[in-house]
Amino acid sequence: LFIASYVLLYKTRFGLRLRACGEHPQAADSVGINVYKMRYAG
């Protein structure tokens, strides 16, 4: 799970979107990322 967490957070599109929602959700939303879904996923 530790290895999977590292890969998921830093090596996938999902991880990039997740981190974007925690840093600047308005910017993430402006490019089509569903902030609510990503926060639920986290």
All heavy atoms as atom14 arrays in JSON, in Angstrom:
{
  "sequence": "LFIASYVLLYKTRFGLRLRACGEHPQAADSVGINVYKMRYAG",
  "atom14_mask": [
    [1, 1, 1, 1, 1, 1, 1, 1, 0, 0, 0, 0, 0, 0],
    [1, 1, 1, 1, 1, 1, 1, 1, 1, 1, 1, 0, 0, 0],
    [1, 1, 1, 1, 1, 1, 1, 1, 0, 0, 0, 0, 0, 0],
    [1, 1, 1, 1, 1, 0, 0, 0, 0, 0, 0, 0, 0, 0],
    [1, 1, 1, 1, 1, 1, 0, 0, 0, 0, 0, 0, 0, 0],
    [1, 1, 1, 1, 1, 1, 1, 1, 1, 1, 1, 1, 0, 0],
    [1, 1, 1, 1, 1, 1, 1, 0, 0, 0, 0, 0, 0, 0],
    [1, 1, 1, 1, 1, 1, 1, 1, 0, 0, 0, 0, 0, 0],
    [1, 1, 1, 1, 1, 1, 1, 1, 0, 0, 0, 0, 0, 0],
    [1, 1, 1, 1, 1, 1, 1, 1, 1, 1, 1, 1, 0, 0],
    [1, 1, 1, 1, 1, 1, 1, 1, 1, 0, 0, 0, 0, 0],
    [1, 1, 1, 1, 1, 1, 1, 0, 0, 0, 0, 0, 0, 0],
    [1, 1, 1, 1, 1, 1, 1, 1, 1, 1, 1, 0, 0, 0],
    [1, 1, 1, 1, 1, 1, 1, 1, 1, 1, 1, 0, 0, 0],
    [1, 1, 1, 1, 0, 0, 0, 0, 0, 0, 0, 0, 0, 0],
    [1, 1, 1, 1, 1, 1, 1, 1, 0, 0, 0, 0, 0, 0],
    [1, 1, 1, 1, 1, 1, 1, 1, 1, 1, 1, 0, 0, 0],
    [1, 1, 1, 1, 1, 1, 1, 1, 0, 0, 0, 0, 0, 0],
    [1, 1, 1, 1, 1, 1, 1, 1, 1, 1, 1, 0, 0, 0],
    [1, 1, 1, 1, 1, 0, 0, 0, 0, 0, 0, 0, 0, 0],
    [1, 1, 1, 1, 1, 1, 0, 0, 0, 0, 0, 0, 0, 0],
    [1, 1, 1, 1, 0, 0, 0, 0, 0, 0, 0, 0, 0, 0],
    [1, 1, 1, 1, 1, 1, 1, 1, 1, 0, 0, 0, 0, 0],
    [1, 1, 1, 1, 1, 1, 1, 1, 1, 1, 0, 0, 0, 0],
    [1, 1, 1, 1, 1, 1, 1, 0, 0, 0, 0, 0, 0, 0],
    [1, 1, 1, 1, 1, 1, 1, 1, 1, 0, 0, 0, 0, 0],
    [1, 1, 1, 1, 1, 0, 0, 0, 0, 0, 0, 0, 0, 0],
    [1, 1, 1, 1, 1, 0, 0, 0, 0, 0, 0, 0, 0, 0],
    [1, 1, 1, 1, 1, 1, 1, 1, 0, 0, 0, 0, 0, 0],
    [1, 1, 1, 1, 1, 1, 0, 0, 0, 0, 0, 0, 0, 0],
    [1, 1, 1, 1, 1, 1, 1, 0, 0, 0, 0, 0, 0, 0],
    [1, 1, 1, 1, 0, 0, 0, 0, 0, 0, 0, 0, 0, 0],
    [1, 1, 1, 1, 1, 1, 1, 1, 0, 0, 0, 0, 0, 0],
    [1, 1, 1, 1, 1, 1, 1, 1, 0, 0, 0, 0, 0, 0],
    [1, 1, 1, 1, 1, 1, 1, 0, 0, 0, 0, 0, 0, 0],
    [1, 1, 1, 1, 1, 1, 1, 1, 1, 1, 1, 1, 0, 0],
    [1, 1, 1, 1, 1, 1, 1, 1, 1, 0, 0, 0, 0, 0],
    [1, 1, 1, 1, 1, 1, 1, 1, 0, 0, 0, 0, 0, 0],
    [1, 1, 1, 1, 1, 1, 1, 1, 1, 1, 1, 0, 0, 0],
    [1, 1, 1, 1, 1, 1, 1, 1, 1, 1, 1, 1, 0, 0],
    [1, 1, 1, 1, 1, 0, 0, 0, 0, 0, 0, 0, 0, 0],
    [1, 1, 1, 1, 0, 0, 0, 0, 0, 0, 0, 0, 0, 0]
  ],
  "atom14_positions": [
    [[0.82, -1.21, 0.0], [0.0, 0.0, 0.0], [0.86, 1.26, 0.0], [0.48, 2.28, -0.61], [-0.94, 0.0, 1.21], [-2.08, -1.02, 1.16], [-2.85, -1.02, 2.47], [-3.02, -0.73, 0.0], [0.0, 0.0, 0.0], [0.0, 0.0, 0.0], [0.0, 0.0, 0.0], [0.0, 0.0, 0.0], [0.0, 0.0, 0.0], [0.0, 0.0, 0.0]],
    [[2.0, 1.2, 0.66], [2.92, 2.36, 0.65], [3.43, 2.63, -0.77], [3.42, 3.77, -1.24], [4.09, 2.1, 1.6], [5.2, 3.1, 1.45], [5.06, 4.39, 1.96], [6.38, 2.78, 0.79], [6.08, 5.33, 1.81], [7.39, 3.7, 0.64], [7.24, 4.98, 1.15], [0.0, 0.0, 0.0], [0.0, 0.0, 0.0], [0.0, 0.0, 0.0]],
    [[3.88, 1.56, -1.46], [4.37, 1.72, -2.83], [3.24, 2.21, -3.74], [3.43, 3.12, -4.56], [4.95, 0.39, -3.34], [6.18, -0.01, -2.51], [5.32, 0.48, -4.82], [6.69, -1.4, -2.79], [0.0, 0.0, 0.0], [0.0, 0.0, 0.0], [0.0, 0.0, 0.0], [0.0, 0.0, 0.0], [0.0, 0.0, 0.0], [0.0, 0.0, 0.0]],
    [[2.05, 1.63, -3.57], [0.91, 2.03, -4.38], [0.53, 3.49, -4.12], [0.17, 4.22, -5.05], [-0.28, 1.12, -4.08], [0.0, 0.0, 0.0], [0.0, 0.0, 0.0], [0.0, 0.0, 0.0], [0.0, 0.0, 0.0], [0.0, 0.0, 0.0], [0.0, 0.0, 0.0], [0.0, 0.0, 0.0], [0.0, 0.0, 0.0], [0.0, 0.0, 0.0]],
    [[0.64, 3.92, -2.86], [0.31, 5.3, -2.52], [1.27, 6.28, -3.19], [0.85, 7.31, -3.73], [0.36, 5.5, -1.0], [-0.61, 4.71, -0.36], [0.0, 0.0, 0.0], [0.0, 0.0, 0.0], [0.0, 0.0, 0.0], [0.0, 0.0, 0.0], [0.0, 0.0, 0.0], [0.0, 0.0, 0.0], [0.0, 0.0, 0.0], [0.0, 0.0, 0.0]],
    [[2.56, 5.95, -3.17], [3.56, 6.82, -3.81], [3.29, 6.92, -5.31], [3.29, 8.02, -5.88], [4.96, 6.27, -3.55], [6.05, 7.13, -4.16], [6.57, 8.22, -3.45], [6.55, 6.88, -5.44], [7.56, 9.02, -4.0], [7.52, 7.68, -6.0], [8.03, 8.75, -5.27], [8.99, 9.54, -5.84], [0.0, 0.0, 0.0], [0.0, 0.0, 0.0]],
    [[3.07, 5.77, -5.95], [2.82, 5.76, -7.4], [1.54, 6.51, -7.72], [1.49, 7.33, -8.66], [2.75, 4.31, -7.92], [2.31, 4.28, -9.38], [4.1, 3.61, -7.76], [0.0, 0.0, 0.0], [0.0, 0.0, 0.0], [0.0, 0.0, 0.0], [0.0, 0.0, 0.0], [0.0, 0.0, 0.0], [0.0, 0.0, 0.0], [0.0, 0.0, 0.0]],
    [[0.49, 6.26, -6.95], [-0.8, 6.89, -7.21], [-0.73, 8.41, -7.07], [-1.31, 9.15, -7.87], [-1.85, 6.33, -6.24], [-3.31, 6.75, -6.46], [-3.81, 6.26, -7.8], [-4.19, 6.24, -5.33], [0.0, 0.0, 0.0], [0.0, 0.0, 0.0], [0.0, 0.0, 0.0], [0.0, 0.0, 0.0], [0.0, 0.0, 0.0], [0.0, 0.0, 0.0]],
    [[0.01, 8.87, -6.07], [0.05, 10.3, -5.78], [0.93, 11.08, -6.75], [0.61, 12.21, -7.12], [0.51, 10.53, -4.34], [0.28, 11.93, -3.76], [-1.22, 12.24, -3.67], [0.91, 12.04, -2.38], [0.0, 0.0, 0.0], [0.0, 0.0, 0.0], [0.0, 0.0, 0.0], [0.0, 0.0, 0.0], [0.0, 0.0, 0.0], [0.0, 0.0, 0.0]],
    [[2.05, 10.46, -7.18], [3.03, 11.22, -7.96], [3.21, 10.75, -9.4], [3.82, 11.45, -10.19], [4.4, 11.16, -7.26], [4.43, 11.92, -5.96], [4.57, 11.25, -4.75], [4.29, 13.31, -5.93], [4.59, 11.94, -3.55], [4.3, 14.0, -4.74], [4.46, 13.31, -3.55], [4.47, 14.01, -2.36], [0.0, 0.0, 0.0], [0.0, 0.0, 0.0]],
    [[2.69, 9.59, -9.75], [2.95, 9.05, -11.09], [1.68, 8.85, -11.91], [1.75, 8.25, -12.99], [3.69, 7.7, -10.96], [4.98, 7.76, -10.16], [6.03, 8.63, -10.82], [7.33, 8.65, -10.01], [8.35, 9.51, -10.61], [0.0, 0.0, 0.0], [0.0, 0.0, 0.0], [0.0, 0.0, 0.0], [0.0, 0.0, 0.0], [0.0, 0.0, 0.0]],
    [[0.55, 9.32, -11.42], [-0.69, 9.13, -12.16], [-1.42, 10.46, -12.34], [-1.19, 11.41, -11.6], [-1.63, 8.14, -11.43], [-2.04, 8.71, -10.19], [-0.95, 6.8, -11.2], [0.0, 0.0, 0.0], [0.0, 0.0, 0.0], [0.0, 0.0, 0.0], [0.0, 0.0, 0.0], [0.0, 0.0, 0.0], [0.0, 0.0, 0.0], [0.0, 0.0, 0.0]],
    [[-2.31, 10.48, -13.31], [-3.13, 11.66, -13.55], [-4.05, 11.91, -12.34], [-4.3, 13.06, -11.97], [-3.96, 11.45, -14.81], [-4.83, 12.65, -15.19], [-5.67, 12.34, -16.4], [-4.83, 12.07, -17.57], [-5.32, 11.73, -18.76], [-6.63, 11.59, -18.93], [-4.5, 11.52, -19.78], [0.0, 0.0, 0.0], [0.0, 0.0, 0.0], [0.0, 0.0, 0.0]],
    [[-4.53, 10.82, -11.75], [-5.39, 10.96, -10.57], [-4.67, 11.7, -9.45], [-5.23, 12.61, -8.82], [-5.83, 9.57, -10.08], [-6.53, 9.59, -8.76], [-7.9, 9.84, -8.69], [-5.83, 9.36, -7.56], [-8.56, 9.87, -7.46], [-6.48, 9.39, -6.34], [-7.85, 9.65, -6.29], [0.0, 0.0, 0.0], [0.0, 0.0, 0.0], [0.0, 0.0, 0.0]],
    [[-3.42, 11.34, -9.19], [-2.66, 11.98, -8.12], [-2.43, 13.46, -8.38], [-2.52, 14.29, -7.47], [0.0, 0.0, 0.0], [0.0, 0.0, 0.0], [0.0, 0.0, 0.0], [0.0, 0.0, 0.0], [0.0, 0.0, 0.0], [0.0, 0.0, 0.0], [0.0, 0.0, 0.0], [0.0, 0.0, 0.0], [0.0, 0.0, 0.0], [0.0, 0.0, 0.0]],
    [[-2.16, 13.8, -9.64], [-1.95, 15.21, -10.0], [-3.24, 16.0, -9.77], [-3.21, 17.11, -9.23], [-1.52, 15.3, -11.46], [-1.26, 16.71, -12.01], [-0.13, 17.39, -11.24], [-0.95, 16.64, -13.5], [0.0, 0.0, 0.0], [0.0, 0.0, 0.0], [0.0, 0.0, 0.0], [0.0, 0.0, 0.0], [0.0, 0.0, 0.0], [0.0, 0.0, 0.0]],
    [[-4.36, 15.42, -10.17], [-5.64, 16.11, -9.99], [-6.0, 16.23, -8.51], [-6.53, 17.26, -8.08], [-6.73, 15.35, -10.74], [-6.58, 15.42, -12.26], [-7.68, 14.66, -12.97], [-7.62, 14.88, -14.41], [-8.5, 14.38, -15.27], [-9.51, 13.63, -14.83], [-8.39, 14.63, -16.56], [0.0, 0.0, 0.0], [0.0, 0.0, 0.0], [0.0, 0.0, 0.0]],
    [[-5.72, 15.19, -7.75], [-6.01, 15.22, -6.32], [-5.24, 16.34, -5.64], [-5.79, 17.13, -4.86], [-5.66, 13.87, -5.68], [-6.05, 13.71, -4.21], [-7.53, 13.37, -4.09], [-5.23, 12.61, -3.54], [0.0, 0.0, 0.0], [0.0, 0.0, 0.0], [0.0, 0.0, 0.0], [0.0, 0.0, 0.0], [0.0, 0.0, 0.0], [0.0, 0.0, 0.0]],
    [[-3.94, 16.43, -5.95], [-3.11, 17.47, -5.34], [-3.53, 18.86, -5.8], [-3.45, 19.83, -5.03], [-1.63, 17.22, -5.67], [-1.05, 16.04, -4.88], [0.41, 15.8, -5.19], [0.59, 15.18, -6.48], [1.46, 15.58, -7.39], [2.22, 16.64, -7.17], [1.57, 14.93, -8.54], [0.0, 0.0, 0.0], [0.0, 0.0, 0.0], [0.0, 0.0, 0.0]],
    [[-3.99, 18.97, -7.04], [-4.46, 20.27, -7.54], [-5.68, 20.73, -6.76], [-5.83, 21.92, -6.47], [-4.79, 20.16, -9.03], [0.0, 0.0, 0.0], [0.0, 0.0, 0.0], [0.0, 0.0, 0.0], [0.0, 0.0, 0.0], [0.0, 0.0, 0.0], [0.0, 0.0, 0.0], [0.0, 0.0, 0.0], [0.0, 0.0, 0.0], [0.0, 0.0, 0.0]],
    [[-6.56, 19.8, -6.4], [-7.77, 20.16, -5.65], [-7.44, 20.62, -4.23], [-8.21, 21.37, -3.63], [-8.73, 18.97, -5.6], [-9.45, 18.57, -7.2], [0.0, 0.0, 0.0], [0.0, 0.0, 0.0], [0.0, 0.0, 0.0], [0.0, 0.0, 0.0], [0.0, 0.0, 0.0], [0.0, 0.0, 0.0], [0.0, 0.0, 0.0], [0.0, 0.0, 0.0]],
    [[-6.31, 20.17, -3.7], [-5.91, 20.61, -2.37], [-5.1, 21.9, -2.38], [-4.97, 22.56, -1.35], [0.0, 0.0, 0.0], [0.0, 0.0, 0.0], [0.0, 0.0, 0.0], [0.0, 0.0, 0.0], [0.0, 0.0, 0.0], [0.0, 0.0, 0.0], [0.0, 0.0, 0.0], [0.0, 0.0, 0.0], [0.0, 0.0, 0.0], [0.0, 0.0, 0.0]],
    [[-4.56, 22.25, -3.54], [-3.75, 23.46, -3.64], [-4.57, 24.65, -4.17], [-4.54, 25.73, -3.6], [-2.55, 23.21, -4.57], [-1.52, 22.24, -4.01], [-0.78, 22.77, -2.8], [-0.7, 24.01, -2.64], [-0.28, 21.95, -2.01], [0.0, 0.0, 0.0], [0.0, 0.0, 0.0], [0.0, 0.0, 0.0], [0.0, 0.0, 0.0], [0.0, 0.0, 0.0]],
    [[-5.28, 24.43, -5.28], [-6.06, 25.52, -5.86], [-7.28, 24.93, -6.56], [-7.29, 24.7, -7.78], [-5.21, 26.31, -6.87], [-5.72, 27.71, -7.09], [-7.03, 27.96, -7.49], [-5.12, 28.93, -6.97], [-7.21, 29.26, -7.61], [-6.07, 29.87, -7.3], [0.0, 0.0, 0.0], [0.0, 0.0, 0.0], [0.0, 0.0, 0.0], [0.0, 0.0, 0.0]],
    [[-8.34, 24.64, -5.79], [-9.51, 23.97, -6.37], [-10.19, 24.76, -7.48], [-10.73, 24.17, -8.42], [-10.44, 23.78, -5.16], [-9.96, 24.75, -4.14], [-8.5, 24.89, -4.35], [0.0, 0.0, 0.0], [0.0, 0.0, 0.0], [0.0, 0.0, 0.0], [0.0, 0.0, 0.0], [0.0, 0.0, 0.0], [0.0, 0.0, 0.0], [0.0, 0.0, 0.0]],
    [[-10.16, 26.1, -7.4], [-10.78, 26.9, -8.45], [-10.07, 26.69, -9.79], [-10.72, 26.55, -10.84], [-10.76, 28.39, -8.08], [-11.76, 28.78, -7.01], [-11.27, 28.45, -5.61], [-10.1, 28.14, -5.41], [-12.16, 28.53, -4.63], [0.0, 0.0, 0.0], [0.0, 0.0, 0.0], [0.0, 0.0, 0.0], [0.0, 0.0, 0.0], [0.0, 0.0, 0.0]],
    [[-8.75, 26.66, -9.75], [-7.98, 26.42, -10.97], [-8.23, 25.02, -11.51], [-8.35, 24.81, -12.72], [-6.49, 26.63, -10.7], [0.0, 0.0, 0.0], [0.0, 0.0, 0.0], [0.0, 0.0, 0.0], [0.0, 0.0, 0.0], [0.0, 0.0, 0.0], [0.0, 0.0, 0.0], [0.0, 0.0, 0.0], [0.0, 0.0, 0.0], [0.0, 0.0, 0.0]],
    [[-8.32, 24.04, -10.59], [-8.61, 22.67, -11.01], [-9.98, 22.58, -11.68], [-10.14, 21.92, -12.72], [-8.53, 21.73, -9.8], [0.0, 0.0, 0.0], [0.0, 0.0, 0.0], [0.0, 0.0, 0.0], [0.0, 0.0, 0.0], [0.0, 0.0, 0.0], [0.0, 0.0, 0.0], [0.0, 0.0, 0.0], [0.0, 0.0, 0.0], [0.0, 0.0, 0.0]],
    [[-10.95, 23.25, -11.08], [-12.31, 23.24, -11.64], [-12.35, 23.9, -13.01], [-13.11, 23.47, -13.91], [-13.25, 23.96, -10.67], [-14.72, 23.69, -10.99], [-15.0, 22.85, -11.87], [-15.59, 24.31, -10.35], [0.0, 0.0, 0.0], [0.0, 0.0, 0.0], [0.0, 0.0, 0.0], [0.0, 0.0, 0.0], [0.0, 0.0, 0.0], [0.0, 0.0, 0.0]],
    [[-11.53, 24.91, -13.21], [-11.55, 25.65, -14.48], [-11.06, 24.81, -15.65], [-11.35, 25.14, -16.81], [-10.69, 26.91, -14.36], [-9.31, 26.58, -14.25], [0.0, 0.0, 0.0], [0.0, 0.0, 0.0], [0.0, 0.0, 0.0], [0.0, 0.0, 0.0], [0.0, 0.0, 0.0], [0.0, 0.0, 0.0], [0.0, 0.0, 0.0], [0.0, 0.0, 0.0]],
    [[-10.31, 23.72, -15.37], [-9.84, 22.86, -16.46], [-10.64, 21.56, -16.52], [-10.22, 20.57, -17.12], [-8.33, 22.55, -16.32], [-7.51, 23.8, -16.5], [-8.02, 21.89, -14.98], [0.0, 0.0, 0.0], [0.0, 0.0, 0.0], [0.0, 0.0, 0.0], [0.0, 0.0, 0.0], [0.0, 0.0, 0.0], [0.0, 0.0, 0.0], [0.0, 0.0, 0.0]],
    [[-11.79, 21.54, -15.85], [-12.71, 20.41, -15.98], [-12.59, 19.34, -14.93], [-13.22, 18.28, -15.06], [0.0, 0.0, 0.0], [0.0, 0.0, 0.0], [0.0, 0.0, 0.0], [0.0, 0.0, 0.0], [0.0, 0.0, 0.0], [0.0, 0.0, 0.0], [0.0, 0.0, 0.0], [0.0, 0.0, 0.0], [0.0, 0.0, 0.0], [0.0, 0.0, 0.0]],
    [[-11.81, 19.55, -13.86], [-11.7, 18.57, -12.79], [-12.87, 18.74, -11.82], [-13.14, 19.86, -11.37], [-10.36, 18.72, -12.04], [-9.19, 18.47, -12.99], [-10.28, 17.75, -10.86], [-7.83, 18.78, -12.39], [0.0, 0.0, 0.0], [0.0, 0.0, 0.0], [0.0, 0.0, 0.0], [0.0, 0.0, 0.0], [0.0, 0.0, 0.0], [0.0, 0.0, 0.0]],
    [[-13.55, 17.66, -11.51], [-14.65, 17.7, -10.55], [-14.07, 17.7, -9.14], [-13.66, 16.65, -8.63], [-15.59, 16.52, -10.76], [-16.88, 16.65, -9.97], [-16.87, 17.07, -8.82], [-17.99, 16.27, -10.57], [0.0, 0.0, 0.0], [0.0, 0.0, 0.0], [0.0, 0.0, 0.0], [0.0, 0.0, 0.0], [0.0, 0.0, 0.0], [0.0, 0.0, 0.0]],
    [[-14.02, 18.85, -8.51], [-13.39, 18.99, -7.19], [-14.1, 18.16, -6.14], [-13.47, 17.53, -5.29], [-13.35, 20.48, -6.78], [-12.76, 20.63, -5.37], [-12.52, 21.28, -7.77], [0.0, 0.0, 0.0], [0.0, 0.0, 0.0], [0.0, 0.0, 0.0], [0.0, 0.0, 0.0], [0.0, 0.0, 0.0], [0.0, 0.0, 0.0], [0.0, 0.0, 0.0]],
    [[-15.43, 18.13, -6.22], [-16.19, 17.38, -5.22], [-15.87, 15.88, -5.28], [-15.66, 15.23, -4.26], [-17.69, 17.6, -5.43], [-18.13, 19.04, -5.27], [-18.84, 19.68, -6.28], [-17.85, 19.75, -4.1], [-19.24, 21.01, -6.13], [-18.25, 21.06, -3.94], [-18.94, 21.69, -4.96], [-19.33, 22.99, -4.81], [0.0, 0.0, 0.0], [0.0, 0.0, 0.0]],
    [[-15.8, 15.35, -6.5], [-15.49, 13.92, -6.66], [-14.07, 13.61, -6.18], [-13.82, 12.59, -5.55], [-15.66, 13.51, -8.12], [-17.11, 13.37, -8.55], [-17.2, 12.83, -9.97], [-18.67, 12.67, -10.4], [-18.78, 12.16, -11.79], [0.0, 0.0, 0.0], [0.0, 0.0, 0.0], [0.0, 0.0, 0.0], [0.0, 0.0, 0.0], [0.0, 0.0, 0.0]],
    [[-13.13, 14.49, -6.51], [-11.75, 14.25, -6.1], [-11.61, 14.32, -4.59], [-10.86, 13.54, -3.99], [-10.82, 15.27, -6.76], [-10.74, 15.16, -8.28], [-10.31, 13.49, -8.88], [-8.68, 13.29, -8.19], [0.0, 0.0, 0.0], [0.0, 0.0, 0.0], [0.0, 0.0, 0.0], [0.0, 0.0, 0.0], [0.0, 0.0, 0.0], [0.0, 0.0, 0.0]],
    [[-12.35, 15.22, -3.95], [-12.28, 15.3, -2.49], [-12.92, 14.08, -1.84], [-12.41, 13.56, -0.84], [-12.94, 16.6, -2.0], [-12.09, 17.81, -2.33], [-12.52, 19.06, -1.6], [-11.49, 20.1, -1.75], [-11.53, 21.29, -1.16], [-12.57, 21.61, -0.39], [-10.55, 22.16, -1.33], [0.0, 0.0, 0.0], [0.0, 0.0, 0.0], [0.0, 0.0, 0.0]],
    [[-14.0, 13.6, -2.43], [-14.59, 12.36, -1.94], [-13.61, 11.19, -2.1], [-13.48, 10.35, -1.2], [-15.89, 12.04, -2.68], [-17.13, 12.37, -1.88], [-17.98, 13.39, -2.28], [-17.46, 11.66, -0.71], [-19.12, 13.71, -1.55], [-18.59, 11.97, 0.02], [-19.42, 12.98, -0.4], [-20.54, 13.3, 0.34], [0.0, 0.0, 0.0], [0.0, 0.0, 0.0]],
    [[-12.91, 11.15, -3.22], [-11.92, 10.09, -3.45], [-10.83, 10.13, -2.39], [-10.43, 9.08, -1.86], [-11.32, 10.23, -4.85], [0.0, 0.0, 0.0], [0.0, 0.0, 0.0], [0.0, 0.0, 0.0], [0.0, 0.0, 0.0], [0.0, 0.0, 0.0], [0.0, 0.0, 0.0], [0.0, 0.0, 0.0], [0.0, 0.0, 0.0], [0.0, 0.0, 0.0]],
    [[-10.34, 11.33, -2.08], [-9.3, 11.46, -1.06], [-9.79, 11.0, 0.31], [-9.07, 10.3, 1.04], [0.0, 0.0, 0.0], [0.0, 0.0, 0.0], [0.0, 0.0, 0.0], [0.0, 0.0, 0.0], [0.0, 0.0, 0.0], [0.0, 0.0, 0.0], [0.0, 0.0, 0.0], [0.0, 0.0, 0.0], [0.0, 0.0, 0.0], [0.0, 0.0, 0.0]]
  ]
}
